[in-house]
Amino acid sequence: MARDVNPRIMRQVRHRRGRKKLQGTSSRPRLALFRSLSHIYVQVIDDSLGHTLVAASSLDAEIKGNGESKSKGDVSRQVGALVARRSKEKGITQVVFDRGGYKYHGRVKALAEAAREEGLEF
């Protein structure tokens, strides 16, 4: 008998599986990503202290404020560049990328590549 597969629950399963191996430290914090239907959110987290060091999202005034109509991929690139700039201001250059159970494709890939172009290493 076939089981019904809920995509949201399967993403959470993949996310938990990945978190068994990923751990953010003070020297190399975790770049955690959450992608909703409309927005994208990123945090740089030190798991040893349980603190969020840097955060950025598509709702930030720097990204949302200029009023232009942009695709979600363009917004994701801007969020990736913004989180990289904010991380560098705090002295963070190396992170561990936690894609949150999402495929490395589309908006996730655009955000990661923009963060790398701004100088964040992962």
C-alpha atoms as a PDB file:
ATOM      1  CA  MET A   1       0.000   0.000   0.000  1.00  0.00           C
ATOM      2  CA  ALA A   2       1.450   3.368  -1.037  1.00  0.00           C
ATOM      3  CA  ARG A   3       1.908   6.119   1.525  1.00  0.00           C
ATOM      4  CA  ASP A   4       0.977   9.734   0.910  1.00  0.00           C
ATOM      5  CA  VAL A   5       4.107  11.869   0.899  1.00  0.00           C
ATOM      6  CA  ASN A   6       3.851  15.405   2.232  1.00  0.00           C
ATOM      7  CA  PRO A   7       6.604  17.577   0.669  1.00  0.00           C
ATOM      8  CA  ARG A   8       6.849  19.835   3.716  1.00  0.00           C
ATOM      9  CA  ILE A   9       7.414  16.904   6.069  1.00  0.00           C
ATOM     10  CA  MET A  10       9.951  15.344   3.694  1.00  0.00           C
ATOM     11  CA  ARG A  11      11.891  18.656   3.617  1.00  0.00           C
ATOM     12  CA  GLN A  12      11.939  18.671   7.407  1.00  0.00           C
ATOM     13  CA  VAL A  13      13.261  15.085   7.391  1.00  0.00           C
ATOM     14  CA  ARG A  14      16.037  16.080   4.973  1.00  0.00           C
ATOM     15  CA  HIS A  15      16.788  19.134   7.099  1.00  0.00           C
ATOM     16  CA  ARG A  16      17.134  17.070  10.287  1.00  0.00           C
ATOM     17  CA  ARG A  17      19.350  14.573   8.462  1.00  0.00           C
ATOM     18  CA  GLY A  18      21.650  17.356   7.336  1.00  0.00           C
ATOM     19  CA  ARG A  19      21.754  18.960  10.775  1.00  0.00           C
ATOM     20  CA  LYS A  20      23.193  15.749  12.240  1.00  0.00           C
ATOM     21  CA  LYS A  21      26.362  16.542  10.314  1.00  0.00           C
ATOM     22  CA  LEU A  22      26.338  20.368  10.309  1.00  0.00           C
ATOM     23  CA  GLN A  23      27.353  22.298  13.398  1.00  0.00           C
ATOM     24  CA  GLY A  24      28.122  26.007  13.568  1.00  0.00           C
ATOM     25  CA  THR A  25      31.018  27.033  15.799  1.00  0.00           C
ATOM     26  CA  SER A  26      32.413  30.394  16.837  1.00  0.00           C
ATOM     27  CA  SER A  27      35.170  30.162  14.238  1.00  0.00           C
ATOM     28  CA  ARG A  28      32.888  28.834  11.478  1.00  0.00           C
ATOM     29  CA  PRO A  29      29.187  29.610  12.092  1.00  0.00           C
ATOM     30  CA  ARG A  30      26.277  28.059  10.213  1.00  0.00           C
ATOM     31  CA  LEU A  31      24.578  29.945   7.360  1.00  0.00           C
ATOM     32  CA  ALA A  32      20.971  28.766   7.760  1.00  0.00           C
ATOM     33  CA  LEU A  33      18.421  29.322   5.013  1.00  0.00           C
ATOM     34  CA  PHE A  34      14.626  29.317   4.986  1.00  0.00           C
ATOM     35  CA  ARG A  35      12.715  29.702   1.743  1.00  0.00           C
ATOM     36  CA  SER A  36       9.009  30.448   1.801  1.00  0.00           C
ATOM     37  CA  LEU A  37       6.764  30.850  -1.196  1.00  0.00           C
ATOM     38  CA  SER A  38       7.213  34.627  -1.286  1.00  0.00           C
ATOM     39  CA  HIS A  39      10.368  35.400   0.693  1.00  0.00           C
ATOM     40  CA  ILE A  40      13.789  34.087   1.630  1.00  0.00           C
ATOM     41  CA  TYR A  41      15.451  34.387   5.037  1.00  0.00           C
ATOM     42  CA  VAL A  42      19.096  33.790   6.006  1.00  0.00           C
ATOM     43  CA  GLN A  43      20.817  33.715   9.399  1.00  0.00           C
ATOM     44  CA  VAL A  44      24.425  33.205  10.438  1.00  0.00           C
ATOM     45  CA  ILE A  45      24.226  31.200  13.673  1.00  0.00           C
ATOM     46  CA  ASP A  46      26.795  30.183  16.275  1.00  0.00           C
ATOM     47  CA  ASP A  47      25.341  26.883  17.520  1.00  0.00           C
ATOM     48  CA  SER A  48      27.785  26.557  20.414  1.00  0.00           C
ATOM     49  CA  LEU A  49      26.328  29.727  21.990  1.00  0.00           C
ATOM     50  CA  GLY A  50      22.888  29.512  20.417  1.00  0.00           C
ATOM     51  CA  HIS A  51      23.123  33.068  19.053  1.00  0.00           C
ATOM     52  CA  THR A  52      22.206  34.566  15.714  1.00  0.00           C
ATOM     53  CA  LEU A  53      25.155  36.696  14.647  1.00  0.00           C
ATOM     54  CA  VAL A  54      23.848  38.123  11.352  1.00  0.00           C
ATOM     55  CA  ALA A  55      20.487  37.991   9.602  1.00  0.00           C
ATOM     56  CA  ALA A  56      19.070  39.150   6.273  1.00  0.00           C
ATOM     57  CA  SER A  57      15.851  38.576   4.387  1.00  0.00           C
ATOM     58  CA  SER A  58      13.901  39.697   1.373  1.00  0.00           C
ATOM     59  CA  LEU A  59      11.868  41.877   3.754  1.00  0.00           C
ATOM     60  CA  ASP A  60      14.858  44.093   4.677  1.00  0.00           C
ATOM     61  CA  ALA A  61      14.458  47.766   3.807  1.00  0.00           C
ATOM     62  CA  GLU A  62      17.652  47.725   1.702  1.00  0.00           C
ATOM     63  CA  ILE A  63      16.134  45.138  -0.633  1.00  0.00           C
ATOM     64  CA  LYS A  64      12.423  45.845  -0.458  1.00  0.00           C
ATOM     65  CA  GLY A  65      12.604  49.637  -0.311  1.00  0.00           C
ATOM     66  CA  ASN A  66      13.474  50.569  -3.887  1.00  0.00           C
ATOM     67  CA  GLY A  67      10.043  49.547  -5.215  1.00  0.00           C
ATOM     68  CA  GLU A  68      11.188  47.809  -8.379  1.00  0.00           C
ATOM     69  CA  SER A  69       9.503  44.607  -9.459  1.00  0.00           C
ATOM     70  CA  LYS A  70      12.121  41.842  -9.314  1.00  0.00           C
ATOM     71  CA  SER A  71      12.088  38.107  -9.758  1.00  0.00           C
ATOM     72  CA  LYS A  72      12.554  35.893  -6.722  1.00  0.00           C
ATOM     73  CA  GLY A  73      15.950  34.809  -8.072  1.00  0.00           C
ATOM     74  CA  ASP A  74      17.164  38.419  -8.261  1.00  0.00           C
ATOM     75  CA  VAL A  75      15.933  39.071  -4.727  1.00  0.00           C
ATOM     76  CA  SER A  76      17.728  35.929  -3.515  1.00  0.00           C
ATOM     77  CA  ARG A  77      20.970  37.161  -5.073  1.00  0.00           C
ATOM     78  CA  GLN A  78      20.573  40.482  -3.272  1.00  0.00           C
ATOM     79  CA  VAL A  79      19.890  38.737   0.052  1.00  0.00           C
ATOM     80  CA  GLY A  80      22.999  36.569  -0.408  1.00  0.00           C
ATOM     81  CA  ALA A  81      25.152  39.611  -1.108  1.00  0.00           C
ATOM     82  CA  LEU A  82      23.633  41.475   1.847  1.00  0.00           C
ATOM     83  CA  VAL A  83      24.260  38.670   4.344  1.00  0.00           C
ATOM     84  CA  ALA A  84      27.837  38.351   3.080  1.00  0.00           C
ATOM     85  CA  ARG A  85      28.478  42.086   3.518  1.00  0.00           C
ATOM     86  CA  ARG A  86      26.983  42.065   7.016  1.00  0.00           C
ATOM     87  CA  SER A  87      29.037  38.990   7.937  1.00  0.00           C
ATOM     88  CA  LYS A  88      32.249  40.584   6.739  1.00  0.00           C
ATOM     89  CA  GLU A  89      31.460  43.683   8.824  1.00  0.00           C
ATOM     90  CA  LYS A  90      31.265  41.408  11.887  1.00  0.00           C
ATOM     91  CA  GLY A  91      34.530  39.689  10.928  1.00  0.00           C
ATOM     92  CA  ILE A  92      32.981  36.430   9.689  1.00  0.00           C
ATOM     93  CA  THR A  93      34.593  35.093   6.521  1.00  0.00           C
ATOM     94  CA  GLN A  94      33.983  31.325   6.718  1.00  0.00           C
ATOM     95  CA  VAL A  95      30.639  29.625   7.280  1.00  0.00           C
ATOM     96  CA  VAL A  96      29.019  26.209   6.961  1.00  0.00           C
ATOM     97  CA  PHE A  97      26.124  26.304   4.471  1.00  0.00           C
ATOM     98  CA  ASP A  98      22.892  24.784   5.773  1.00  0.00           C
ATOM     99  CA  ARG A  99      20.447  24.709   2.874  1.00  0.00           C
ATOM    100  CA  GLY A 100      17.626  23.611   5.165  1.00  0.00           C
ATOM    101  CA  GLY A 101      16.591  20.501   3.264  1.00  0.00           C
ATOM    102  CA  TYR A 102      16.041  22.415   0.014  1.00  0.00           C
ATOM    103  CA  LYS A 103      17.671  21.341  -3.231  1.00  0.00           C
ATOM    104  CA  TYR A 104      20.742  23.326  -4.268  1.00  0.00           C
ATOM    105  CA  HIS A 105      18.862  24.795  -7.203  1.00  0.00           C
ATOM    106  CA  GLY A 106      17.131  28.009  -8.166  1.00  0.00           C
ATOM    107  CA  ARG A 107      16.844  30.577  -5.382  1.00  0.00           C
ATOM    108  CA  VAL A 108      19.036  28.569  -2.993  1.00  0.00           C
ATOM    109  CA  LYS A 109      21.818  28.369  -5.567  1.00  0.00           C
ATOM    110  CA  ALA A 110      21.473  32.070  -6.463  1.00  0.00           C
ATOM    111  CA  LEU A 111      21.785  33.091  -2.812  1.00  0.00           C
ATOM    112  CA  ALA A 112      24.817  30.851  -2.225  1.00  0.00           C
ATOM    113  CA  GLU A 113      26.658  32.031  -5.328  1.00  0.00           C
ATOM    114  CA  ALA A 114      26.028  35.705  -4.501  1.00  0.00           C
ATOM    115  CA  ALA A 115      27.353  35.181  -0.969  1.00  0.00           C
ATOM    116  CA  ARG A 116      30.470  33.511  -2.376  1.00  0.00           C
ATOM    117  CA  GLU A 117      31.001  36.356  -4.850  1.00  0.00           C
ATOM    118  CA  GLU A 118      30.912  38.835  -1.951  1.00  0.00           C
ATOM    119  CA  GLY A 119      33.725  36.933  -0.228  1.00  0.00           C
ATOM    120  CA  LEU A 120      32.019  34.459   2.105  1.00  0.00           C
ATOM    121  CA  GLU A 121      33.780  31.076   2.043  1.00  0.00           C
ATOM    122  CA  PHE A 122      31.865  27.783   2.225  1.00  0.00           C
END
